[in-house]
Amino acid sequence: MYSGVAIYDTKKIGTAVACELGVEILNELGISITSAGYYEILDGGDHDIIEISFSELKEKIEKEEVTSFRIYSEVEKIRPWHACFGYMTDEFVGFNYIDIQYPSVDGELQNIKRILKSMSDKLSCSYGINYHEEEVTKVFFYATGDSLVNIYPYENSSLFKRECPSRKGLERYKKTMLRMVYPGNIINNYHLSITLKGITLKEWILSDVRHGSLEKLNDEMWLWSVEENELDSINKCLGEAGILISWKPQIIKERTRILPK
């Protein structure tokens, strides 16, 4: 099983802080860095990633020669990588985000929370998610809603992709909606003010221990943690309330009754 973290609206973070965050998270998870790469515009206007050592990447970041990059942990026979931290910018992919993939470990969300809290004065984002999938490539594609990867059977990930600025979307995940509900949800004060059943989302979360727990990261951001066994019911509740971007009601097909001859 692999886990992923995707953090959106990260333009103000900058490459140096993003690199520091990547190192801190991978170290906290006990993952060693083996290589790196940075994105470069090609002659035809397309882009490609140039593979270099991590020390070379740090030098380029210090010289402000790099805007988008990836840090890898590579292990023999595991493809495309064992773990990866990516910092992407709009000049290459149309919007700004961070994506992380790594093997799932017990207590990982608490580890990530410690890093986010310790660096909260340097981090600027509007939304983030922590999720799980069987394959590292699916975790990677899910961050941006690509390749039709869905985590839940009641989800349409392409609806999230349409919200992103690369598709000139409304970006409602920044304030007024959530993508879906996950084990870890990095949300802001605007999200907590969303109305649900006549009360705010914050009030709804705090009204029942089954709705998860809220922990403050800084003056603007919160971590909403949800137990795995509560995800289906919470997604159903918020989806039916119309505040989940990728929510797709499940269609249960009725069995065709065969009449006796």
C-alpha atoms as a PDB file:
ATOM      1  CA  MET A   1       0.000   0.000   0.000  1.00  0.00           C
ATOM      2  CA  TYR A   2       1.203   3.501  -0.853  1.00  0.00           C
ATOM      3  CA  SER A   3       0.249   6.863   0.559  1.00  0.00           C
ATOM      4  CA  GLY A   4       0.091  10.272  -1.001  1.00  0.00           C
ATOM      5  CA  VAL A   5      -0.006  13.881   0.069  1.00  0.00           C
ATOM      6  CA  ALA A   6      -1.145  16.613  -2.307  1.00  0.00           C
ATOM      7  CA  ILE A   7      -1.005  20.284  -1.309  1.00  0.00           C
ATOM      8  CA  TYR A   8      -2.612  22.900  -3.553  1.00  0.00           C
ATOM      9  CA  ASP A   9      -2.180  26.622  -4.161  1.00  0.00           C
ATOM     10  CA  THR A  10       1.513  26.581  -3.227  1.00  0.00           C
ATOM     11  CA  LYS A  11       2.828  29.439  -5.389  1.00  0.00           C
ATOM     12  CA  LYS A  12       3.957  31.519  -2.416  1.00  0.00           C
ATOM     13  CA  ILE A  13       5.970  28.714  -0.832  1.00  0.00           C
ATOM     14  CA  GLY A  14       8.922  28.981  -3.215  1.00  0.00           C
ATOM     15  CA  THR A  15      11.489  26.391  -4.246  1.00  0.00           C
ATOM     16  CA  ALA A  16      13.838  26.739  -1.268  1.00  0.00           C
ATOM     17  CA  VAL A  17      11.117  26.214   1.353  1.00  0.00           C
ATOM     18  CA  ALA A  18       9.543  23.444  -0.741  1.00  0.00           C
ATOM     19  CA  CYS A  19      12.894  21.634  -0.893  1.00  0.00           C
ATOM     20  CA  GLU A  20      13.290  21.988   2.879  1.00  0.00           C
ATOM     21  CA  LEU A  21       9.777  20.600   3.363  1.00  0.00           C
ATOM     22  CA  GLY A  22      10.507  17.647   1.085  1.00  0.00           C
ATOM     23  CA  VAL A  23      13.672  16.742   2.962  1.00  0.00           C
ATOM     24  CA  GLU A  24      11.949  17.054   6.347  1.00  0.00           C
ATOM     25  CA  ILE A  25       8.994  14.866   5.353  1.00  0.00           C
ATOM     26  CA  LEU A  26      11.085  12.126   3.746  1.00  0.00           C
ATOM     27  CA  ASN A  27      13.469  12.096   6.717  1.00  0.00           C
ATOM     28  CA  GLU A  28      10.537  11.934   9.154  1.00  0.00           C
ATOM     29  CA  LEU A  29       9.217   8.910   7.252  1.00  0.00           C
ATOM     30  CA  GLY A  30      12.642   7.251   7.344  1.00  0.00           C
ATOM     31  CA  ILE A  31      13.121   7.493   3.573  1.00  0.00           C
ATOM     32  CA  SER A  32      16.555   8.223   2.092  1.00  0.00           C
ATOM     33  CA  ILE A  33      17.043  10.565  -0.876  1.00  0.00           C
ATOM     34  CA  THR A  34      18.917   8.974  -3.781  1.00  0.00           C
ATOM     35  CA  SER A  35      18.436  11.366  -6.726  1.00  0.00           C
ATOM     36  CA  ALA A  36      16.592  14.404  -8.016  1.00  0.00           C
ATOM     37  CA  GLY A  37      15.464  16.213 -11.124  1.00  0.00           C
ATOM     38  CA  TYR A  38      14.240  19.600 -12.322  1.00  0.00           C
ATOM     39  CA  TYR A  39      11.878  20.668 -15.082  1.00  0.00           C
ATOM     40  CA  GLU A  40      13.065  22.574 -18.126  1.00  0.00           C
ATOM     41  CA  ILE A  41      11.270  24.110 -21.100  1.00  0.00           C
ATOM     42  CA  LEU A  42      12.305  22.518 -24.413  1.00  0.00           C
ATOM     43  CA  ASP A  43      12.700  24.302 -27.755  1.00  0.00           C
ATOM     44  CA  GLY A  44       9.277  23.259 -28.989  1.00  0.00           C
ATOM     45  CA  GLY A  45       7.575  24.701 -25.910  1.00  0.00           C
ATOM     46  CA  ASP A  46       7.116  21.324 -24.220  1.00  0.00           C
ATOM     47  CA  HIS A  47       8.919  20.452 -21.002  1.00  0.00           C
ATOM     48  CA  ASP A  48      11.017  17.592 -19.677  1.00  0.00           C
ATOM     49  CA  ILE A  49      12.666  16.613 -16.408  1.00  0.00           C
ATOM     50  CA  ILE A  50      16.467  16.705 -16.218  1.00  0.00           C
ATOM     51  CA  GLU A  51      17.859  14.113 -13.815  1.00  0.00           C
ATOM     52  CA  ILE A  52      20.671  15.260 -11.514  1.00  0.00           C
ATOM     53  CA  SER A  53      22.005  14.498  -8.033  1.00  0.00           C
ATOM     54  CA  PHE A  54      20.288  15.972  -5.003  1.00  0.00           C
ATOM     55  CA  SER A  55      23.357  18.065  -4.157  1.00  0.00           C
ATOM     56  CA  GLU A  56      23.284  19.531  -7.683  1.00  0.00           C
ATOM     57  CA  LEU A  57      19.588  20.315  -7.295  1.00  0.00           C
ATOM     58  CA  LYS A  58      20.227  22.194  -4.046  1.00  0.00           C
ATOM     59  CA  GLU A  59      22.902  24.265  -5.778  1.00  0.00           C
ATOM     60  CA  LYS A  60      20.534  25.177  -8.584  1.00  0.00           C
ATOM     61  CA  ILE A  61      17.811  26.103  -6.097  1.00  0.00           C
ATOM     62  CA  GLU A  62      20.239  28.338  -4.189  1.00  0.00           C
ATOM     63  CA  LYS A  63      21.142  30.062  -7.466  1.00  0.00           C
ATOM     64  CA  GLU A  64      17.430  30.400  -8.330  1.00  0.00           C
ATOM     65  CA  GLU A  65      17.927  28.423 -11.541  1.00  0.00           C
ATOM     66  CA  VAL A  66      15.058  26.021 -10.825  1.00  0.00           C
ATOM     67  CA  THR A  67      11.318  26.553 -10.314  1.00  0.00           C
ATOM     68  CA  SER A  68       9.873  23.001 -10.456  1.00  0.00           C
ATOM     69  CA  PHE A  69      11.672  19.905  -9.194  1.00  0.00           C
ATOM     70  CA  ARG A  70      11.425  16.351  -7.838  1.00  0.00           C
ATOM     71  CA  ILE A  71      13.308  14.518  -5.093  1.00  0.00           C
ATOM     72  CA  TYR A  72      13.441  10.721  -5.377  1.00  0.00           C
ATOM     73  CA  SER A  73      14.105   7.681  -3.262  1.00  0.00           C
ATOM     74  CA  GLU A  74      14.835   4.871  -5.678  1.00  0.00           C
ATOM     75  CA  VAL A  75      15.003   1.187  -4.771  1.00  0.00           C
ATOM     76  CA  GLU A  76      16.030  -1.637  -7.092  1.00  0.00           C
ATOM     77  CA  LYS A  77      13.115  -3.399  -8.866  1.00  0.00           C
ATOM     78  CA  ILE A  78      10.576  -0.773  -7.721  1.00  0.00           C
ATOM     79  CA  ARG A  79       9.330   1.402 -10.563  1.00  0.00           C
ATOM     80  CA  PRO A  80       9.027   4.261 -11.189  1.00  0.00           C
ATOM     81  CA  TRP A  81      10.282   5.074  -7.672  1.00  0.00           C
ATOM     82  CA  HIS A  82      10.098   4.049  -4.028  1.00  0.00           C
ATOM     83  CA  ALA A  83       9.125   7.546  -2.898  1.00  0.00           C
ATOM     84  CA  CYS A  84       8.999  10.999  -4.455  1.00  0.00           C
ATOM     85  CA  PHE A  85       8.438  14.636  -3.488  1.00  0.00           C
ATOM     86  CA  GLY A  86       7.477  17.024  -6.267  1.00  0.00           C
ATOM     87  CA  TYR A  87       7.094  20.808  -6.335  1.00  0.00           C
ATOM     88  CA  MET A  88       5.251  21.921  -9.473  1.00  0.00           C
ATOM     89  CA  THR A  89       4.578  25.422 -10.809  1.00  0.00           C
ATOM     90  CA  ASP A  90       2.154  26.892 -13.313  1.00  0.00           C
ATOM     91  CA  GLU A  91       4.739  27.509 -16.027  1.00  0.00           C
ATOM     92  CA  PHE A  92       5.048  23.734 -16.522  1.00  0.00           C
ATOM     93  CA  VAL A  93       1.695  22.205 -15.559  1.00  0.00           C
ATOM     94  CA  GLY A  94      -0.714  25.133 -15.410  1.00  0.00           C
ATOM     95  CA  PHE A  95      -1.016  25.377 -11.627  1.00  0.00           C
ATOM     96  CA  ASN A  96       0.979  25.186  -8.405  1.00  0.00           C
ATOM     97  CA  TYR A  97       0.987  22.154  -6.120  1.00  0.00           C
ATOM     98  CA  ILE A  98       3.104  19.695  -4.145  1.00  0.00           C
ATOM     99  CA  ASP A  99       2.714  15.935  -4.558  1.00  0.00           C
ATOM    100  CA  ILE A 100       4.311  13.237  -2.400  1.00  0.00           C
ATOM    101  CA  GLN A 101       4.241   9.446  -2.773  1.00  0.00           C
ATOM    102  CA  TYR A 102       5.689   6.939  -0.295  1.00  0.00           C
ATOM    103  CA  PRO A 103       5.071   3.443   1.179  1.00  0.00           C
ATOM    104  CA  SER A 104       2.352   3.570   3.826  1.00  0.00           C
ATOM    105  CA  VAL A 105       3.519   3.382   7.453  1.00  0.00           C
ATOM    106  CA  ASP A 106       1.696   3.422  10.783  1.00  0.00           C
ATOM    107  CA  GLY A 107       1.362   6.896  12.274  1.00  0.00           C
ATOM    108  CA  GLU A 108       2.403   8.666   9.066  1.00  0.00           C
ATOM    109  CA  LEU A 109      -0.256  11.377   9.391  1.00  0.00           C
ATOM    110  CA  GLN A 110       1.025  12.373  12.820  1.00  0.00           C
ATOM    111  CA  ASN A 111       4.571  12.543  11.423  1.00  0.00           C
ATOM    112  CA  ILE A 112       3.452  14.801   8.592  1.00  0.00           C
ATOM    113  CA  LYS A 113       1.416  16.930  11.006  1.00  0.00           C
ATOM    114  CA  ARG A 114       4.538  17.557  13.116  1.00  0.00           C
ATOM    115  CA  ILE A 115       6.430  18.776  10.038  1.00  0.00           C
ATOM    116  CA  LEU A 116       3.574  21.005   8.878  1.00  0.00           C
ATOM    117  CA  LYS A 117       3.238  22.562  12.330  1.00  0.00           C
ATOM    118  CA  SER A 118       6.984  23.108  12.699  1.00  0.00           C
ATOM    119  CA  MET A 119       7.120  24.851   9.309  1.00  0.00           C
ATOM    120  CA  SER A 120       3.730  26.561   9.517  1.00  0.00           C
ATOM    121  CA  ASP A 121       5.265  30.048   9.462  1.00  0.00           C
ATOM    122  CA  LYS A 122       6.874  29.275   6.069  1.00  0.00           C
ATOM    123  CA  LEU A 123       4.031  27.375   4.420  1.00  0.00           C
ATOM    124  CA  SER A 124       1.376  29.026   2.300  1.00  0.00           C
ATOM    125  CA  CYS A 125      -1.367  26.901   0.764  1.00  0.00           C
ATOM    126  CA  SER A 126      -5.155  26.674   0.735  1.00  0.00           C
ATOM    127  CA  TYR A 127      -5.892  22.938   0.721  1.00  0.00           C
ATOM    128  CA  GLY A 128      -4.282  19.525   1.006  1.00  0.00           C
ATOM    129  CA  ILE A 129      -5.123  15.821   1.263  1.00  0.00           C
ATOM    130  CA  ASN A 130      -3.569  12.606   2.584  1.00  0.00           C
ATOM    131  CA  TYR A 131      -4.796   9.402   0.905  1.00  0.00           C
ATOM    132  CA  HIS A 132      -3.904   5.770   0.095  1.00  0.00           C
ATOM    133  CA  GLU A 133      -3.783   3.563  -3.004  1.00  0.00           C
ATOM    134  CA  GLU A 134      -2.367   0.165  -3.963  1.00  0.00           C
ATOM    135  CA  GLU A 135       0.145   1.422  -6.564  1.00  0.00           C
ATOM    136  CA  VAL A 136       2.611   4.310  -6.412  1.00  0.00           C
ATOM    137  CA  THR A 137       1.696   5.422  -9.940  1.00  0.00           C
ATOM    138  CA  LYS A 138      -1.980   5.698  -8.985  1.00  0.00           C
ATOM    139  CA  VAL A 139      -1.026   7.788  -5.958  1.00  0.00           C
ATOM    140  CA  PHE A 140       0.982  10.036  -8.289  1.00  0.00           C
ATOM    141  CA  PHE A 141      -1.768  10.517 -10.888  1.00  0.00           C
ATOM    142  CA  TYR A 142      -4.476  10.993  -8.264  1.00  0.00           C
ATOM    143  CA  ALA A 143      -2.878  14.215  -6.995  1.00  0.00           C
ATOM    144  CA  THR A 144      -3.970  16.055 -10.143  1.00  0.00           C
ATOM    145  CA  GLY A 145      -7.003  13.971 -11.100  1.00  0.00           C
ATOM    146  CA  ASP A 146      -5.198  12.386 -14.050  1.00  0.00           C
ATOM    147  CA  SER A 147      -5.592   8.963 -15.681  1.00  0.00           C
ATOM    148  CA  LEU A 148      -9.124   8.517 -14.278  1.00  0.00           C
ATOM    149  CA  VAL A 149      -7.765   7.229 -10.961  1.00  0.00           C
ATOM    150  CA  ASN A 150     -10.498   7.070  -8.313  1.00  0.00           C
ATOM    151  CA  ILE A 151      -9.990   6.099  -4.680  1.00  0.00           C
ATOM    152  CA  TYR A 152     -13.667   5.699  -3.869  1.00  0.00           C
ATOM    153  CA  PRO A 153     -16.380   3.888  -5.878  1.00  0.00           C
ATOM    154  CA  TYR A 154     -18.573   6.965  -5.397  1.00  0.00           C
ATOM    155  CA  GLU A 155     -16.024   9.359  -6.924  1.00  0.00           C
ATOM    156  CA  ASN A 156     -15.331  10.944 -10.325  1.00  0.00           C
ATOM    157  CA  SER A 157     -11.785  12.330 -10.150  1.00  0.00           C
ATOM    158  CA  SER A 158     -12.101  14.080 -13.527  1.00  0.00           C
ATOM    159  CA  LEU A 159     -14.503  16.530 -11.855  1.00  0.00           C
ATOM    160  CA  PHE A 160     -11.611  17.689  -9.671  1.00  0.00           C
ATOM    161  CA  LYS A 161      -9.317  18.053 -12.672  1.00  0.00           C
ATOM    162  CA  ARG A 162     -11.873  20.416 -14.247  1.00  0.00           C
ATOM    163  CA  GLU A 163     -11.639  22.621 -11.142  1.00  0.00           C
ATOM    164  CA  CYS A 164      -7.891  23.173 -11.525  1.00  0.00           C
ATOM    165  CA  PRO A 165      -6.462  26.340 -13.129  1.00  0.00           C
ATOM    166  CA  SER A 166      -4.769  24.211 -15.809  1.00  0.00           C
ATOM    167  CA  ARG A 167      -8.317  23.670 -17.111  1.00  0.00           C
ATOM    168  CA  LYS A 168      -9.361  27.246 -16.274  1.00  0.00           C
ATOM    169  CA  GLY A 169     -11.493  25.778 -13.504  1.00  0.00           C
ATOM    170  CA  LEU A 170     -13.206  27.598 -10.643  1.00  0.00           C
ATOM    171  CA  GLU A 171     -10.761  26.289  -7.997  1.00  0.00           C
ATOM    172  CA  ARG A 172     -13.585  25.964  -5.476  1.00  0.00           C
ATOM    173  CA  TYR A 173     -11.405  23.619  -3.387  1.00  0.00           C
ATOM    174  CA  LYS A 174      -9.619  26.750  -2.144  1.00  0.00           C
ATOM    175  CA  LYS A 175     -12.599  28.036  -0.142  1.00  0.00           C
ATOM    176  CA  THR A 176     -16.106  26.752  -0.762  1.00  0.00           C
ATOM    177  CA  MET A 177     -15.824  23.000  -1.446  1.00  0.00           C
ATOM    178  CA  LEU A 178     -13.656  19.962  -0.704  1.00  0.00           C
ATOM    179  CA  ARG A 179     -12.454  17.417  -3.252  1.00  0.00           C
ATOM    180  CA  MET A 180     -13.580  14.465  -1.109  1.00  0.00           C
ATOM    181  CA  VAL A 181     -12.977  13.528   2.540  1.00  0.00           C
ATOM    182  CA  TYR A 182      -9.748  11.629   3.279  1.00  0.00           C
ATOM    183  CA  PRO A 183      -7.883  10.251   6.310  1.00  0.00           C
ATOM    184  CA  GLY A 184      -6.028  13.591   6.386  1.00  0.00           C
ATOM    185  CA  ASN A 185      -7.527  16.886   5.177  1.00  0.00           C
ATOM    186  CA  ILE A 186      -5.574  20.159   5.283  1.00  0.00           C
ATOM    187  CA  ILE A 187      -8.300  22.797   5.276  1.00  0.00           C
ATOM    188  CA  ASN A 188      -8.604  26.521   5.980  1.00  0.00           C
ATOM    189  CA  ASN A 189     -10.950  28.836   7.850  1.00  0.00           C
ATOM    190  CA  TYR A 190     -13.109  29.322   4.758  1.00  0.00           C
ATOM    191  CA  HIS A 191     -13.697  25.572   4.539  1.00  0.00           C
ATOM    192  CA  LEU A 192     -14.711  25.442   8.191  1.00  0.00           C
ATOM    193  CA  SER A 193     -17.363  28.088   7.476  1.00  0.00           C
ATOM    194  CA  ILE A 194     -19.088  25.970   4.809  1.00  0.00           C
ATOM    195  CA  THR A 195     -22.727  25.415   5.811  1.00  0.00           C
ATOM    196  CA  LEU A 196     -23.821  21.826   6.389  1.00  0.00           C
ATOM    197  CA  LYS A 197     -27.274  20.930   7.741  1.00  0.00           C
ATOM    198  CA  GLY A 198     -27.772  24.440   9.093  1.00  0.00           C
ATOM    199  CA  ILE A 199     -24.424  24.597  10.916  1.00  0.00           C
ATOM    200  CA  THR A 200     -20.828  25.252   9.859  1.00  0.00           C
ATOM    201  CA  LEU A 201     -18.520  22.420   8.888  1.00  0.00           C
ATOM    202  CA  LYS A 202     -16.432  23.171  11.976  1.00  0.00           C
ATOM    203  CA  GLU A 203     -19.471  22.822  14.218  1.00  0.00           C
ATOM    204  CA  TRP A 204     -20.472  19.614  12.427  1.00  0.00           C
ATOM    205  CA  ILE A 205     -17.019  18.061  12.891  1.00  0.00           C
ATOM    206  CA  LEU A 206     -16.929  18.957  16.587  1.00  0.00           C
ATOM    207  CA  SER A 207     -20.481  17.721  17.180  1.00  0.00           C
ATOM    208  CA  ASP A 208     -19.591  14.003  17.042  1.00  0.00           C
ATOM    209  CA  VAL A 209     -16.346  12.130  17.681  1.00  0.00           C
ATOM    210  CA  ARG A 210     -17.178   9.957  14.642  1.00  0.00           C
ATOM    211  CA  HIS A 211     -16.769  13.052  12.462  1.00  0.00           C
ATOM    212  CA  GLY A 212     -13.032  13.137  13.158  1.00  0.00           C
ATOM    213  CA  SER A 213     -10.767  15.597  14.938  1.00  0.00           C
ATOM    214  CA  LEU A 214      -9.477  19.105  14.217  1.00  0.00           C
ATOM    215  CA  GLU A 215      -5.968  20.317  14.997  1.00  0.00           C
ATOM    216  CA  LYS A 216      -4.780  23.845  14.312  1.00  0.00           C
ATOM    217  CA  LEU A 217      -1.650  24.155  12.152  1.00  0.00           C
ATOM    218  CA  ASN A 218      -1.477  27.972  12.153  1.00  0.00           C
ATOM    219  CA  ASP A 219      -3.873  30.928  12.209  1.00  0.00           C
ATOM    220  CA  GLU A 220      -5.364  29.950   8.841  1.00  0.00           C
ATOM    221  CA  MET A 221      -4.893  26.193   8.360  1.00  0.00           C
ATOM    222  CA  TRP A 222      -6.225  23.106  10.154  1.00  0.00           C
ATOM    223  CA  LEU A 223      -5.698  19.356   9.936  1.00  0.00           C
ATOM    224  CA  TRP A 224      -8.960  17.390   9.891  1.00  0.00           C
ATOM    225  CA  SER A 225      -8.213  13.720  10.636  1.00  0.00           C
ATOM    226  CA  VAL A 226     -10.820  11.026   9.940  1.00  0.00           C
ATOM    227  CA  GLU A 227     -10.783   7.334  10.878  1.00  0.00           C
ATOM    228  CA  GLU A 228     -10.799   4.963   7.895  1.00  0.00           C
ATOM    229  CA  ASN A 229     -14.006   3.243   9.013  1.00  0.00           C
ATOM    230  CA  GLU A 230     -15.889   6.571   9.028  1.00  0.00           C
ATOM    231  CA  LEU A 231     -14.865   7.759   5.560  1.00  0.00           C
ATOM    232  CA  ASP A 232     -17.773   6.216   3.635  1.00  0.00           C
ATOM    233  CA  SER A 233     -20.464   7.668   5.874  1.00  0.00           C
ATOM    234  CA  ILE A 234     -18.827  11.113   6.049  1.00  0.00           C
ATOM    235  CA  ASN A 235     -18.310  11.278   2.289  1.00  0.00           C
ATOM    236  CA  LYS A 236     -21.945  10.282   1.800  1.00  0.00           C
ATOM    237  CA  CYS A 237     -23.148  12.969   4.179  1.00  0.00           C
ATOM    238  CA  LEU A 238     -21.031  15.764   2.686  1.00  0.00           C
ATOM    239  CA  GLY A 239     -21.539  14.531  -0.864  1.00  0.00           C
ATOM    240  CA  GLU A 240     -25.308  14.591  -0.564  1.00  0.00           C
ATOM    241  CA  ALA A 241     -25.015  18.086   0.958  1.00  0.00           C
ATOM    242  CA  GLY A 242     -23.339  19.238  -2.274  1.00  0.00           C
ATOM    243  CA  ILE A 243     -19.953  20.285  -0.897  1.00  0.00           C
ATOM    244  CA  LEU A 244     -17.725  17.582  -2.423  1.00  0.00           C
ATOM    245  CA  ILE A 245     -16.361  18.309  -5.903  1.00  0.00           C
ATOM    246  CA  SER A 246     -15.798  14.701  -6.997  1.00  0.00           C
ATOM    247  CA  TRP A 247     -18.812  13.101  -5.289  1.00  0.00           C
ATOM    248  CA  LYS A 248     -20.742  10.708  -7.542  1.00  0.00           C
ATOM    249  CA  PRO A 249     -23.785   8.960  -6.069  1.00  0.00           C
ATOM    250  CA  GLN A 250     -23.506   5.189  -6.407  1.00  0.00           C
ATOM    251  CA  ILE A 251     -26.062   3.620  -8.692  1.00  0.00           C
ATOM    252  CA  ILE A 252     -27.198   0.276  -7.328  1.00  0.00           C
ATOM    253  CA  LYS A 253     -28.542  -1.903 -10.100  1.00  0.00           C
ATOM    254  CA  GLU A 254     -31.582  -3.919  -9.175  1.00  0.00           C
ATOM    255  CA  ARG A 255     -31.562  -7.589  -9.995  1.00  0.00           C
ATOM    256  CA  THR A 256     -33.838  -8.571 -12.837  1.00  0.00           C
ATOM    257  CA  ARG A 257     -36.547 -10.790 -11.437  1.00  0.00           C
ATOM    258  CA  ILE A 258     -36.986 -13.967 -13.414  1.00  0.00           C
ATOM    259  CA  LEU A 259     -40.575 -15.121 -13.369  1.00  0.00           C
ATOM    260  CA  PRO A 260     -41.269 -18.847 -13.086  1.00  0.00           C
ATOM    261  CA  LYS A 261     -42.390 -20.538 -16.257  1.00  0.00           C
END
